[in-house]
Amino acid sequence: MSSPPAFPTAPPPATADAPVRVVAVDAALAPAVRALQVAPEQWPFVGDASANLDQAWADPASEAMAILAGERVVGFYRLDFATAAIAGRAFAEPSVGLRSYVIDRDAQGRGYGRAAIAACRDDVRRRHPQRRLLALTVNVRNAAAIAAYRKAGFADTGELYLGGNAGPQHLMLLRLQPAADPSSPDPVRDAP
């Protein structure tokens, strides 16, 4: 008969089969969001989850969102409704910005990132149906994130935002609602 472990074991990691959903961060979820970690090479692009949460809560134009796999917090992002803050300019259509997007390093590579983008898209469509575009910027050196966002349905507009702390960033867009005027130029459809 084997003896029990000397220390309690961590809860089992979330599996790819766990349903992914997004919810507003509240006081009960905040400690788990603050504990999210990224790989050292991701740090310059995403920073500290705790500081990002504080910034989201301090900004009345933002919503702090937790990414859950089952009941476990596996990620975080911030919705920014002051979209000029995303790319240094306003957009022709009602938009919302996606900022501070992170999947915990121990949960990466399991499909949570793409599932979370789909859950985010569905959440914004449901709660903010007037918004037509989801916008983000991603550092030109962050090839893994660029590829992940493309797989999740974002289009690279070919435009660079030069106001980022870590250098130039690609502006990427995901269509949430059909364009108001289908005959007008569409930054998603017409992306290079």
Foldseek 3Di string as FASTA:
>chain_A
DDDDDPDDDDPDDQALPFQKAKDFDDPVCLVLQQPFDDPPVCCVFQNGSNVVVVVQVVDPQKTKMFIDRNNHTFWIWMKGQVCCVAQVDDDPAREIEIGSTDGGHVPPPRCSLLSHLVNVLVVCCVPPVRHFKYKHWGDPPCVVVVVSVVVSAWAFLPDWRQPDPSGITTIIMHTSDDDPDVVDDDSGVPRD
